[in-house]
Amino acid sequence: MNAERNKLLQQVRDCLVNLNEDCVLRAVSGLLERGVPATEIVLGSMSSAMEEIGRLYEEGEYFIAELVEAADIFKKAMKILEPRIKEEASKLGSSRRLRIVIGTVKGDVHDIGKTLVAVMLQAAGHEVIDLGVDVDAEKFAEAVEKYNPQVLGMSALLTTTARYMAEVLRVLEERGLRRKVYVVIGGAATSREFAERIKADGWARDAIEAVKLINKLAEEMKDHAGEEG
């Protein structure tokens, strides 16, 4: 059983890197039939594959066409996985509903991790406004002004685009919005040290960590509101 499970997990990764759609979807379905958690498939095999695809792109072996094709295969796999992901995420439910604006930063067309985080946050009971990919600083700032969220989430898979997060924070500061919103960053190109360096408020290693971090923040806000009341 374990050998077959590991073989299928490896197959998901290899087939996604090689852009073999049928193989990915077959392996994903096989893993779900064996009771493997959907979040494990996404955060393990699929995320690892997307990191490898990002590396191939940065080294000039893959181009935008391959990135788009990989994202398309990922989305098709996510359609199969999404009902199970929601089921798993609902167990991480929050006692307070937060409004969260989320997006992948300018220059980055990867919406994989960001989409997973959005799905899981919604399943945990939060309101999510998804700005999509390739979002510039002005658009993030406008969304903070328009929607007045408690949390702003930014994602980047590539090291070349992660640096842009600092620009978003600068524009928020310039517009007097920085103190109004809790900024969380994530994605393969980020780290806790990077988050501290650009003065983000929080960092999440993966989608599960993002949900836990935001649920913790929701609890703190609830307690604070109780104290004020």
Protein backbone atom coordinates (compact mmCIF):
# COMPACT_ATOMS: atom_id res chain seq x y z
CA MET A 1 0.00 0.00 0.00
CA ASN A 2 2.71 2.49 1.04
CA ALA A 3 4.87 1.54 -1.94
CA GLU A 4 1.96 2.13 -4.33
CA ARG A 5 1.09 5.40 -2.57
CA ASN A 6 4.67 6.68 -2.81
CA LYS A 7 4.87 5.58 -6.44
CA LEU A 8 1.71 7.56 -7.28
CA LEU A 9 2.93 10.65 -5.37
CA GLN A 10 6.19 10.53 -7.34
CA GLN A 11 4.20 10.00 -10.53
CA VAL A 12 2.13 13.15 -9.89
CA ARG A 13 5.34 15.16 -9.51
CA ASP A 14 7.17 13.70 -12.51
CA CYS A 15 4.16 13.85 -14.82
CA LEU A 16 3.43 17.47 -13.89
CA VAL A 17 7.06 18.49 -14.51
CA ASN A 18 6.84 16.71 -17.89
CA LEU A 19 3.47 18.40 -18.61
CA ASN A 20 1.68 15.04 -19.02
CA GLU A 21 -1.92 15.94 -18.13
CA ASP A 22 -3.56 12.48 -18.38
CA CYS A 23 -0.87 10.92 -16.21
CA VAL A 24 -1.27 13.63 -13.51
CA LEU A 25 -5.06 13.32 -13.35
CA ARG A 26 -4.94 9.50 -13.23
CA ALA A 27 -2.37 9.52 -10.41
CA VAL A 28 -4.31 12.17 -8.42
CA SER A 29 -7.53 10.14 -8.69
CA GLY A 30 -5.65 6.99 -7.65
CA LEU A 31 -4.27 8.72 -4.55
CA LEU A 32 -7.69 10.01 -3.49
CA GLU A 33 -9.14 6.50 -3.90
CA ARG A 34 -6.43 5.29 -1.51
CA GLY A 35 -7.43 7.90 1.09
CA VAL A 36 -4.34 10.11 0.75
CA PRO A 37 -5.19 13.64 2.04
CA ALA A 38 -5.73 16.11 -0.81
CA THR A 39 -3.62 18.73 0.96
CA GLU A 40 -0.72 16.27 1.09
CA ILE A 41 -0.94 15.74 -2.69
CA VAL A 42 -0.97 19.48 -3.38
CA LEU A 43 1.58 20.60 -0.80
CA GLY A 44 3.87 17.64 -1.50
CA SER A 45 4.01 16.34 -5.07
CA MET A 46 2.29 19.18 -6.90
CA SER A 47 4.05 22.03 -5.10
CA SER A 48 7.40 20.27 -5.56
CA ALA A 49 6.66 19.93 -9.29
CA MET A 50 5.75 23.62 -9.60
CA GLU A 51 8.96 24.62 -7.81
CA GLU A 52 10.92 22.50 -10.30
CA ILE A 53 9.01 24.07 -13.21
CA GLY A 54 9.81 27.51 -11.76
CA ARG A 55 13.50 26.55 -11.61
CA LEU A 56 13.44 25.32 -15.22
CA TYR A 57 11.86 28.62 -16.25
CA GLU A 58 14.44 30.70 -14.39
CA GLU A 59 17.24 28.67 -16.03
CA GLY A 60 15.75 29.21 -19.50
CA GLU A 61 14.79 25.56 -20.11
CA TYR A 62 11.06 26.30 -19.87
CA PHE A 63 9.26 29.35 -21.24
CA ILE A 64 5.96 31.15 -20.58
CA ALA A 65 4.11 28.57 -22.73
CA GLU A 66 5.27 25.75 -20.42
CA LEU A 67 4.33 27.76 -17.31
CA VAL A 68 0.83 28.35 -18.68
CA GLU A 69 0.45 24.67 -19.62
CA ALA A 70 1.62 23.55 -16.17
CA ALA A 71 -0.83 25.96 -14.50
CA ASP A 72 -3.64 24.61 -16.68
CA ILE A 73 -2.86 20.99 -15.69
CA PHE A 74 -2.64 22.08 -12.05
CA LYS A 75 -6.09 23.71 -12.24
CA LYS A 76 -7.61 20.55 -13.73
CA ALA A 77 -6.08 18.49 -10.92
CA MET A 78 -7.40 21.04 -8.40
CA LYS A 79 -10.95 20.54 -9.71
CA ILE A 80 -10.65 16.88 -8.72
CA LEU A 81 -9.02 17.74 -5.38
CA GLU A 82 -11.09 20.78 -4.37
CA PRO A 83 -14.08 19.02 -2.72
CA ARG A 84 -11.68 17.00 -0.52
CA ILE A 85 -9.54 20.09 0.22
CA LYS A 86 -12.64 21.98 1.41
CA GLU A 87 -13.62 19.05 3.59
CA GLU A 88 -10.14 18.95 5.15
CA ALA A 89 -9.92 22.76 5.56
CA SER A 90 -13.35 23.01 7.21
CA LYS A 91 -11.84 21.14 10.16
CA LEU A 92 -9.49 24.12 10.61
CA GLY A 93 -12.53 26.44 10.92
CA SER A 94 -12.18 29.85 12.56
CA SER A 95 -14.40 31.34 15.28
CA ARG A 96 -14.19 34.77 13.63
CA ARG A 97 -14.62 35.59 9.94
CA LEU A 98 -11.95 37.83 8.43
CA ARG A 99 -11.87 39.59 5.08
CA ILE A 100 -8.70 38.77 3.15
CA VAL A 101 -7.41 40.28 -0.10
CA ILE A 102 -5.01 37.91 -1.84
CA GLY A 103 -2.95 37.97 -5.04
CA THR A 104 0.24 36.87 -6.80
CA VAL A 105 2.64 39.79 -7.29
CA LYS A 106 3.54 41.61 -10.51
CA GLY A 107 5.65 39.61 -12.97
CA ASP A 108 4.50 36.25 -11.54
CA VAL A 109 1.78 34.27 -13.33
CA HIS A 110 1.68 31.39 -10.83
CA ASP A 111 -1.67 31.13 -9.11
CA ILE A 112 -1.21 27.62 -7.76
CA GLY A 113 -0.31 28.23 -4.11
CA LYS A 114 -2.42 31.36 -3.98
CA THR A 115 -5.51 29.54 -5.30
CA LEU A 116 -5.05 26.73 -2.78
CA VAL A 117 -4.74 29.24 0.08
CA ALA A 118 -7.89 31.04 -1.14
CA VAL A 119 -9.90 27.79 -1.33
CA MET A 120 -8.76 26.69 2.14
CA LEU A 121 -9.41 30.08 3.74
CA GLN A 122 -12.93 30.14 2.31
CA ALA A 123 -13.53 26.60 3.57
CA ALA A 124 -12.31 27.72 7.01
CA GLY A 125 -15.03 30.40 7.01
CA HIS A 126 -13.23 33.55 5.83
CA GLU A 127 -14.19 35.99 3.06
CA VAL A 128 -11.56 36.00 0.30
CA ILE A 129 -11.15 38.59 -2.45
CA ASP A 130 -8.80 37.06 -5.03
CA LEU A 131 -7.05 39.63 -7.25
CA GLY A 132 -5.48 36.93 -9.44
CA VAL A 133 -1.92 36.95 -10.78
CA ASP A 134 0.55 39.60 -11.96
CA VAL A 135 -0.92 42.14 -9.50
CA ASP A 136 0.92 45.46 -9.22
CA ALA A 137 1.35 47.58 -6.09
CA GLU A 138 -1.33 50.08 -7.12
CA LYS A 139 -3.92 47.34 -7.55
CA PHE A 140 -3.10 45.87 -4.12
CA ALA A 141 -3.37 49.35 -2.55
CA GLU A 142 -6.66 50.09 -4.34
CA ALA A 143 -8.10 46.77 -3.10
CA VAL A 144 -7.10 47.59 0.49
CA GLU A 145 -8.83 50.99 0.15
CA LYS A 146 -11.93 49.53 -1.52
CA TYR A 147 -12.51 46.37 0.54
CA ASN A 148 -10.97 47.40 3.89
CA PRO A 149 -9.66 43.87 4.63
CA GLN A 150 -8.04 42.83 7.89
CA VAL A 151 -5.43 40.79 5.97
CA LEU A 152 -3.51 41.23 2.71
CA GLY A 153 -1.88 38.07 1.34
CA MET A 154 0.83 38.11 -1.33
CA SER A 155 2.37 35.13 -3.11
CA ALA A 156 5.45 34.64 -5.32
CA LEU A 157 6.99 31.47 -6.71
CA LEU A 158 10.01 33.11 -8.37
CA THR A 159 12.87 34.84 -6.56
CA THR A 160 12.86 37.52 -9.27
CA THR A 161 9.26 38.49 -8.45
CA ALA A 162 9.36 38.05 -4.66
CA ARG A 163 11.40 41.25 -4.41
CA TYR A 164 8.38 43.16 -5.69
CA MET A 165 6.59 42.51 -2.38
CA ALA A 166 8.73 45.25 -0.81
CA GLU A 167 7.38 47.68 -3.43
CA VAL A 168 3.79 46.80 -2.48
CA LEU A 169 4.58 47.52 1.17
CA ARG A 170 6.21 50.82 0.18
CA VAL A 171 3.09 51.93 -1.75
CA LEU A 172 0.82 50.92 1.15
CA GLU A 173 3.01 53.02 3.48
CA GLU A 174 2.96 55.94 1.04
CA ARG A 175 -0.84 55.89 0.91
CA GLY A 176 -1.22 55.65 4.69
CA LEU A 177 -2.67 52.13 4.45
CA ARG A 178 0.13 50.03 5.91
CA ARG A 179 -1.07 50.14 9.53
CA LYS A 180 -4.63 49.28 8.55
CA VAL A 181 -3.86 45.79 7.25
CA TYR A 182 -1.95 42.71 8.43
CA VAL A 183 0.34 41.62 5.57
CA VAL A 184 1.11 37.91 5.14
CA ILE A 185 3.45 36.63 2.43
CA GLY A 186 4.13 33.14 1.10
CA GLY A 187 5.33 31.13 -1.88
CA ALA A 188 8.41 29.12 -2.76
CA ALA A 189 10.59 32.22 -3.19
CA THR A 190 9.88 33.53 0.33
CA SER A 191 11.08 32.71 3.84
CA ARG A 192 10.61 33.93 7.40
CA GLU A 193 13.88 35.89 7.10
CA PHE A 194 12.72 37.50 3.86
CA ALA A 195 9.38 38.46 5.48
CA GLU A 196 11.23 40.08 8.38
CA ARG A 197 13.59 41.89 6.02
CA ILE A 198 10.79 43.54 4.03
CA LYS A 199 8.79 44.10 7.25
CA ALA A 200 5.79 41.94 6.41
CA ASP A 201 3.69 40.96 9.45
CA GLY A 202 3.65 37.23 8.83
CA TRP A 203 4.95 34.40 6.67
CA ALA A 204 3.39 31.04 5.87
CA ARG A 205 5.36 28.06 4.57
CA ASP A 206 2.30 26.54 2.85
CA ALA A 207 -1.49 26.73 2.62
CA ILE A 208 -2.15 24.88 5.89
CA GLU A 209 0.24 27.21 7.74
CA ALA A 210 -1.49 30.21 6.11
CA VAL A 211 -4.91 29.08 7.38
CA LYS A 212 -3.53 28.42 10.88
CA LEU A 213 -1.79 31.81 10.96
CA ILE A 214 -4.92 33.68 9.88
CA ASN A 215 -7.15 31.71 12.28
CA LYS A 216 -4.73 32.62 15.10
CA LEU A 217 -4.94 36.27 14.04
CA ALA A 218 -8.76 36.02 14.02
CA GLU A 219 -8.68 34.68 17.60
CA GLU A 220 -6.41 37.54 18.70
CA MET A 221 -8.71 40.11 17.06
CA LYS A 222 -11.73 38.51 18.74
CA ASP A 223 -10.02 38.61 22.16
CA HIS A 224 -8.95 42.23 21.57
CA ALA A 225 -12.50 43.22 20.58
CA GLY A 226 -13.79 41.47 23.72
CA GLU A 227 -11.36 43.41 25.91
CA GLU A 228 -12.40 46.71 24.31
CA GLY A 229 -16.07 45.84 24.75
